[in-house]
Amino acid sequence: MANDNAEVNDLVISRLVRAPRATLWRAWTDPALLKEWWCPKPWTTEVRAFDLRPGGAFHTFMQGPDGGTSDNPGCFLDIAPQSRIVFTSQLVAGWRPHTPWMSFTAIITMADEGSGTRYGATVMHPDKATRDRHEEMGFFDGWNTCIDQLDAFALSLR
C-alpha cells in the first residue's frame, strides 16, 4: 500500500550555493574530496566504501573530537551524472537488506541557477516518528553546515 502522507515523512533543504555544479559534483563523487566536507567539523570522515553506481556501496564512518562515532553503511540507488545522487541507509552493497540506526533514503539534486547551483536534499523516512527523530537530532543544522562546508570546499577547488 502506498504511503499517502509521503511528504510528512520528508525533510527537505533547497539552497542556492555559489560553487558551480561541476565542481560540487566532483567534491561529491571523489571519495578523497568527500571526506573533506561530509560531516560537520570538527568531526572527521573516513570513506570506507564508495562505488558510485546503482547497487554500489556507500559507507562513511565519522568520528568526533570527544570520541563519539557514527558508522553509516549504505547503498547508492540512482546516479544521474552532474545532477542527481540517490542513496539509502536501508540497503548495503549489492542491494543487501540492512537494518540501520536511522532509516532513510536521500535524493541530492544539483542544477545550474544564475552563477551558482541550486542544491537540494530530500531525505525520506519510513514514518513520521523516524522523520521527527532525525529532525530533533539536528538534521537542519547538521545538513546545512555540511552544505556550507561543501560550497566553501568546492570553491577552493577551482
Protein backbone atom coordinates (compact mmCIF):
# COMPACT_ATOMS: atom_id res chain seq x y z
CA MET A 1 0.00 0.00 0.00
CA ALA A 2 1.35 3.43 -0.94
CA ASN A 3 2.08 5.96 1.76
CA ASP A 4 -0.41 8.79 1.16
CA ASN A 5 1.49 11.06 3.57
CA ALA A 6 4.93 10.75 1.98
CA GLU A 7 5.74 14.46 2.27
CA VAL A 8 5.01 14.35 6.02
CA ASN A 9 7.89 11.89 6.32
CA ASP A 10 10.40 14.02 4.36
CA LEU A 11 12.96 16.57 5.46
CA VAL A 12 13.82 18.98 2.64
CA ILE A 13 16.54 21.56 2.07
CA SER A 14 16.84 23.66 -1.09
CA ARG A 15 19.60 26.24 -1.29
CA LEU A 16 21.40 28.33 -3.82
CA VAL A 17 25.14 27.81 -3.38
CA ARG A 18 27.98 29.74 -5.00
CA ALA A 19 30.03 26.86 -6.37
CA PRO A 20 29.44 25.66 -9.93
CA ARG A 21 27.61 22.38 -10.36
CA ALA A 22 30.56 20.56 -11.99
CA THR A 23 32.77 21.38 -9.00
CA LEU A 24 30.10 20.33 -6.49
CA TRP A 25 29.70 17.07 -8.42
CA ARG A 26 33.46 16.49 -8.26
CA ALA A 27 33.51 17.14 -4.49
CA TRP A 28 30.59 14.73 -4.07
CA THR A 29 31.88 11.91 -6.28
CA ASP A 30 35.58 11.74 -5.42
CA PRO A 31 35.92 9.91 -2.05
CA ALA A 32 39.17 11.76 -1.28
CA LEU A 33 37.27 15.05 -1.61
CA LEU A 34 34.02 13.86 0.04
CA LYS A 35 35.78 13.20 3.33
CA GLU A 36 36.84 16.87 3.48
CA TRP A 37 33.30 18.24 3.87
CA TRP A 38 30.93 15.34 4.61
CA CYS A 39 30.26 15.85 8.33
CA PRO A 40 30.20 18.98 10.48
CA LYS A 41 33.67 19.99 11.65
CA PRO A 42 35.42 19.21 13.93
CA TRP A 43 34.12 15.69 13.22
CA THR A 44 36.10 13.76 10.61
CA THR A 45 35.01 11.31 7.93
CA GLU A 46 36.58 8.07 6.75
CA VAL A 47 35.15 6.83 3.45
CA ARG A 48 35.14 3.06 3.85
CA ALA A 49 33.40 2.21 0.57
CA PHE A 50 32.35 4.30 -2.41
CA ASP A 51 31.15 2.54 -5.56
CA LEU A 52 29.25 5.23 -7.47
CA ARG A 53 26.68 3.11 -9.31
CA PRO A 54 23.22 1.76 -8.54
CA GLY A 55 23.73 -1.05 -6.04
CA GLY A 56 27.22 0.18 -5.17
CA ALA A 57 28.39 0.58 -1.60
CA PHE A 58 28.37 3.98 0.09
CA HIS A 59 29.87 3.67 3.56
CA THR A 60 31.14 6.51 5.72
CA PHE A 61 32.47 6.39 9.26
CA MET A 62 32.52 9.61 11.26
CA GLN A 63 34.41 10.37 14.44
CA GLY A 64 34.05 13.30 16.81
CA PRO A 65 36.74 15.01 18.86
CA ASP A 66 35.18 13.58 22.04
CA GLY A 67 35.50 10.01 20.71
CA GLY A 68 31.90 9.72 19.52
CA THR A 69 31.40 7.77 16.31
CA SER A 70 28.77 7.22 13.64
CA ASP A 71 29.06 4.23 11.29
CA ASN A 72 26.91 4.67 8.17
CA PRO A 73 26.89 1.81 5.67
CA GLY A 74 24.52 2.27 2.75
CA CYS A 75 23.94 1.84 -0.95
CA PHE A 76 23.65 4.08 -4.00
CA LEU A 77 20.28 3.68 -5.71
CA ASP A 78 20.47 6.06 -8.66
CA ILE A 79 23.10 8.26 -10.26
CA ALA A 80 22.37 10.90 -12.91
CA PRO A 81 25.78 12.44 -13.70
CA GLN A 82 26.11 16.09 -12.74
CA SER A 83 22.50 16.31 -11.47
CA ARG A 84 21.32 13.63 -9.01
CA ILE A 85 22.62 11.15 -6.44
CA VAL A 86 20.21 8.87 -4.56
CA PHE A 87 21.40 6.74 -1.65
CA THR A 88 19.84 4.84 1.22
CA SER A 89 20.73 3.52 4.64
CA GLN A 90 18.24 0.64 4.20
CA LEU A 91 20.45 -1.34 1.82
CA VAL A 92 24.17 -2.02 1.56
CA ALA A 93 26.24 -3.03 -1.47
CA GLY A 94 24.60 -5.41 -3.90
CA TRP A 95 21.11 -4.41 -2.73
CA ARG A 96 21.54 -6.42 0.50
CA PRO A 97 18.97 -5.51 3.19
CA HIS A 98 20.30 -3.64 6.19
CA THR A 99 18.81 -2.53 9.49
CA PRO A 100 20.28 0.94 10.07
CA TRP A 101 20.25 3.08 13.19
CA MET A 102 18.45 5.74 11.14
CA SER A 103 16.36 4.57 8.19
CA PHE A 104 16.19 6.97 5.24
CA THR A 105 16.66 7.48 1.53
CA ALA A 106 18.26 10.73 0.36
CA ILE A 107 17.90 12.43 -3.01
CA ILE A 108 20.60 15.01 -3.70
CA THR A 109 20.00 17.28 -6.70
CA MET A 110 22.15 19.91 -8.38
CA ALA A 111 21.04 22.32 -11.11
CA ASP A 112 22.59 25.44 -12.58
CA GLU A 113 20.96 28.63 -11.32
CA GLY A 114 22.38 32.04 -12.12
CA SER A 115 26.10 32.00 -11.38
CA GLY A 116 25.71 29.20 -8.81
CA THR A 117 23.90 25.93 -8.22
CA ARG A 118 20.51 25.05 -6.78
CA TYR A 119 21.39 22.27 -4.32
CA GLY A 120 18.57 20.14 -2.99
CA ALA A 121 18.43 17.42 -0.36
CA THR A 122 15.22 15.47 0.17
CA VAL A 123 15.55 12.90 2.94
CA MET A 124 12.67 10.44 3.04
CA HIS A 125 11.86 8.40 6.14
CA PRO A 126 9.61 5.35 6.54
CA ASP A 127 7.34 7.09 9.06
CA LYS A 128 6.77 10.40 10.83
CA ALA A 129 8.37 9.18 14.07
CA THR A 130 11.69 8.47 12.31
CA ARG A 131 11.47 11.79 10.47
CA ASP A 132 10.82 13.64 13.74
CA ARG A 133 13.70 11.84 15.47
CA HIS A 134 16.06 12.81 12.62
CA GLU A 135 14.91 16.44 12.81
CA GLU A 136 15.30 16.50 16.62
CA MET A 137 18.84 15.14 16.27
CA GLY A 138 19.71 18.35 14.43
CA PHE A 139 19.06 17.47 10.80
CA PHE A 140 18.71 21.05 9.55
CA ASP A 141 21.71 22.41 11.45
CA GLY A 142 23.91 19.44 10.55
CA TRP A 143 22.98 19.10 6.89
CA ASN A 144 23.10 22.89 6.31
CA THR A 145 26.54 23.02 7.96
CA CYS A 146 27.71 20.28 5.59
CA ILE A 147 26.27 22.16 2.60
CA ASP A 148 28.15 25.29 3.75
CA GLN A 149 31.33 23.21 4.02
CA LEU A 150 30.70 21.64 0.60
CA ASP A 151 30.19 25.05 -1.01
CA ALA A 152 33.33 26.56 0.56
CA PHE A 153 35.39 23.46 -0.23
CA ALA A 154 34.16 23.30 -3.84
CA LEU A 155 35.02 26.98 -4.33
CA SER A 156 38.55 26.22 -3.12
CA LEU A 157 38.91 23.55 -5.84
CA ARG A 158 38.55 25.96 -8.73
